[in-house]
Amino acid sequence: MTQIKQGDTVRIHYTGTLLDGKTFDSSEGRDPLEFTVGSGQIIPGLDKAMPGMETGEKKRVEVPCAEAYGPLNPEARQAIPREGIPDDIPLELGTQLQMQSPDGRVIPVTVVELEEATVTLDANHPLAGQDLIFDIEVVSIN
């Protein structure tokens, strides 16, 4: 059988879980995830696990946070004055908002702390700082 190598376009089914067993993402009920191996389209730890696998093969891959979404970056949290947020935006813990960087990029942030005068926003990826587990199955190799 053909084995996956760098540059191949593959389709996989996957279930991603945290160390406590909680599922954070899955392709169940959806089309398989398609990507090119080694292209940086998926997290590095999962990408590195693909070469050598064959169509139909299943594998459990443990991905440390450094090869997933990285460690939590304390500098990605920022307290801003409440008056800097328009009144029509609801502010509750866990609310997802979008900010714009000085160069025009959209940055997703999460409300993580509410004080009387300030709102703390976190731009870390929601899975930053977490080790992840993926159960994968190779559907096809092109």
Protein backbone atom coordinates (compact mmCIF):
# COMPACT_ATOMS: atom_id res chain seq x y z
CA MET A 1 0.00 0.00 0.00
CA THR A 2 0.95 3.62 -0.45
CA GLN A 3 2.36 5.34 2.60
CA ILE A 4 1.88 9.04 3.33
CA LYS A 5 4.88 11.25 2.59
CA GLN A 6 5.60 14.99 2.77
CA GLY A 7 3.62 16.88 0.11
CA ASP A 8 0.79 14.32 -0.15
CA THR A 9 -2.76 15.61 0.13
CA VAL A 10 -4.59 13.44 2.65
CA ARG A 11 -8.08 13.18 4.06
CA ILE A 12 -8.54 12.05 7.65
CA HIS A 13 -11.31 11.58 10.15
CA TYR A 14 -10.33 12.69 13.64
CA THR A 15 -11.50 13.25 17.18
CA GLY A 16 -9.52 15.66 19.33
CA THR A 17 -9.70 15.34 23.11
CA LEU A 18 -8.11 16.97 26.12
CA LEU A 19 -6.21 14.94 28.70
CA ASP A 20 -9.38 14.76 30.83
CA GLY A 21 -11.18 13.01 27.95
CA LYS A 22 -13.33 16.00 26.92
CA THR A 23 -13.79 16.21 23.13
CA PHE A 24 -12.95 19.67 21.72
CA ASP A 25 -13.36 18.87 18.00
CA SER A 26 -14.31 16.01 15.71
CA SER A 27 -14.99 15.34 12.06
CA GLU A 28 -17.78 12.92 13.01
CA GLY A 29 -20.81 13.61 10.85
CA ARG A 30 -18.77 15.87 8.56
CA ASP A 31 -16.52 15.45 5.55
CA PRO A 32 -12.99 14.31 6.38
CA LEU A 33 -10.35 16.99 6.99
CA GLU A 34 -8.22 17.49 3.87
CA PHE A 35 -4.72 18.99 4.02
CA THR A 36 -1.26 18.73 2.48
CA VAL A 37 1.26 17.00 4.74
CA GLY A 38 4.12 19.29 5.74
CA SER A 39 2.42 22.48 4.51
CA GLY A 40 1.65 23.95 7.93
CA GLN A 41 -2.12 23.71 7.41
CA ILE A 42 -2.57 21.77 10.66
CA ILE A 43 -0.81 21.83 14.03
CA PRO A 44 2.81 20.58 13.86
CA GLY A 45 2.40 17.62 16.23
CA LEU A 46 -0.38 16.12 14.13
CA ASP A 47 1.39 16.90 10.86
CA LYS A 48 4.52 15.05 12.06
CA ALA A 49 2.47 11.92 12.82
CA MET A 50 1.19 11.49 9.25
CA PRO A 51 4.21 10.25 7.21
CA GLY A 52 4.29 6.46 6.96
CA MET A 53 0.57 5.97 7.59
CA GLU A 54 -1.57 4.14 5.02
CA THR A 55 -5.20 4.42 3.86
CA GLY A 56 -7.50 2.87 6.49
CA GLU A 57 -4.87 3.04 9.23
CA LYS A 58 -5.93 4.36 12.63
CA LYS A 59 -3.64 5.93 15.21
CA ARG A 60 -3.76 7.77 18.52
CA VAL A 61 -1.46 10.81 18.54
CA GLU A 62 -0.49 12.65 21.72
CA VAL A 63 0.47 16.23 20.94
CA PRO A 64 2.24 18.34 23.60
CA CYS A 65 1.11 21.98 23.78
CA ALA A 66 4.41 23.16 22.24
CA GLU A 67 3.49 21.26 19.04
CA ALA A 68 -0.18 22.27 19.17
CA TYR A 69 -1.24 25.87 19.96
CA GLY A 70 1.76 26.72 22.12
CA PRO A 71 1.98 27.71 25.77
CA LEU A 72 -0.24 30.37 27.31
CA ASN A 73 1.27 33.77 26.63
CA PRO A 74 0.60 36.16 29.54
CA GLU A 75 1.30 39.11 27.21
CA ALA A 76 -1.72 38.09 25.11
CA ARG A 77 -4.00 39.15 28.00
CA GLN A 78 -4.80 42.83 28.28
CA ALA A 79 -7.03 44.87 30.59
CA ILE A 80 -8.71 47.75 28.80
CA PRO A 81 -10.99 50.48 30.13
CA ARG A 82 -14.69 49.61 29.90
CA GLU A 83 -15.40 52.90 28.18
CA GLY A 84 -13.23 51.65 25.28
CA ILE A 85 -15.90 49.07 24.44
CA PRO A 86 -19.11 50.24 22.73
CA ASP A 87 -22.28 49.97 24.86
CA ASP A 88 -24.00 47.69 22.35
CA ILE A 89 -21.44 44.90 22.87
CA PRO A 90 -22.55 42.48 25.59
CA LEU A 91 -19.83 41.82 28.15
CA GLU A 92 -19.95 38.45 29.89
CA LEU A 93 -17.20 36.04 30.83
CA GLY A 94 -16.40 33.82 27.85
CA THR A 95 -17.79 36.25 25.24
CA GLN A 96 -15.82 36.04 22.00
CA LEU A 97 -14.99 39.40 20.42
CA GLN A 98 -12.82 40.58 17.56
CA MET A 99 -10.25 43.32 17.75
CA GLN A 100 -8.23 44.87 14.97
CA SER A 101 -4.45 45.18 15.17
CA PRO A 102 -2.71 48.39 14.05
CA ASP A 103 -1.84 46.65 10.75
CA GLY A 104 -5.51 45.74 10.13
CA ARG A 105 -5.45 42.05 11.11
CA VAL A 106 -8.52 40.70 12.91
CA ILE A 107 -7.64 39.19 16.30
CA PRO A 108 -10.18 36.98 18.09
CA VAL A 109 -10.26 37.61 21.86
CA THR A 110 -12.21 36.23 24.80
CA VAL A 111 -13.52 38.18 27.79
CA VAL A 112 -11.79 36.52 30.77
CA GLU A 113 -12.23 39.07 33.56
CA LEU A 114 -14.74 41.81 34.33
CA GLU A 115 -13.98 44.58 36.80
CA GLU A 116 -15.89 47.78 37.46
CA ALA A 117 -13.50 49.92 35.40
CA THR A 118 -11.77 47.36 33.16
CA VAL A 119 -12.39 44.35 30.94
CA THR A 120 -9.59 41.81 30.49
CA LEU A 121 -9.35 40.29 27.03
CA ASP A 122 -7.33 37.19 26.14
CA ALA A 123 -5.96 36.70 22.61
CA ASN A 124 -4.47 33.26 23.35
CA HIS A 125 -5.92 30.42 21.29
CA PRO A 126 -8.56 28.66 23.44
CA LEU A 127 -6.40 25.49 23.40
CA ALA A 128 -3.09 27.23 24.19
CA GLY A 129 -1.25 25.58 27.06
CA GLN A 130 -3.07 22.27 26.58
CA ASP A 131 -1.67 18.90 25.60
CA LEU A 132 -4.01 17.29 23.06
CA ILE A 133 -4.90 13.76 21.95
CA PHE A 134 -6.10 12.93 18.45
CA ASP A 135 -7.63 9.66 17.30
CA ILE A 136 -7.18 9.69 13.53
CA GLU A 137 -8.08 7.47 10.58
CA VAL A 138 -6.62 7.96 7.13
CA VAL A 139 -9.45 8.06 4.57
CA SER A 140 -7.42 8.75 1.42
CA ILE A 141 -3.99 9.73 0.11
CA ASN A 142 -3.61 11.74 -3.11
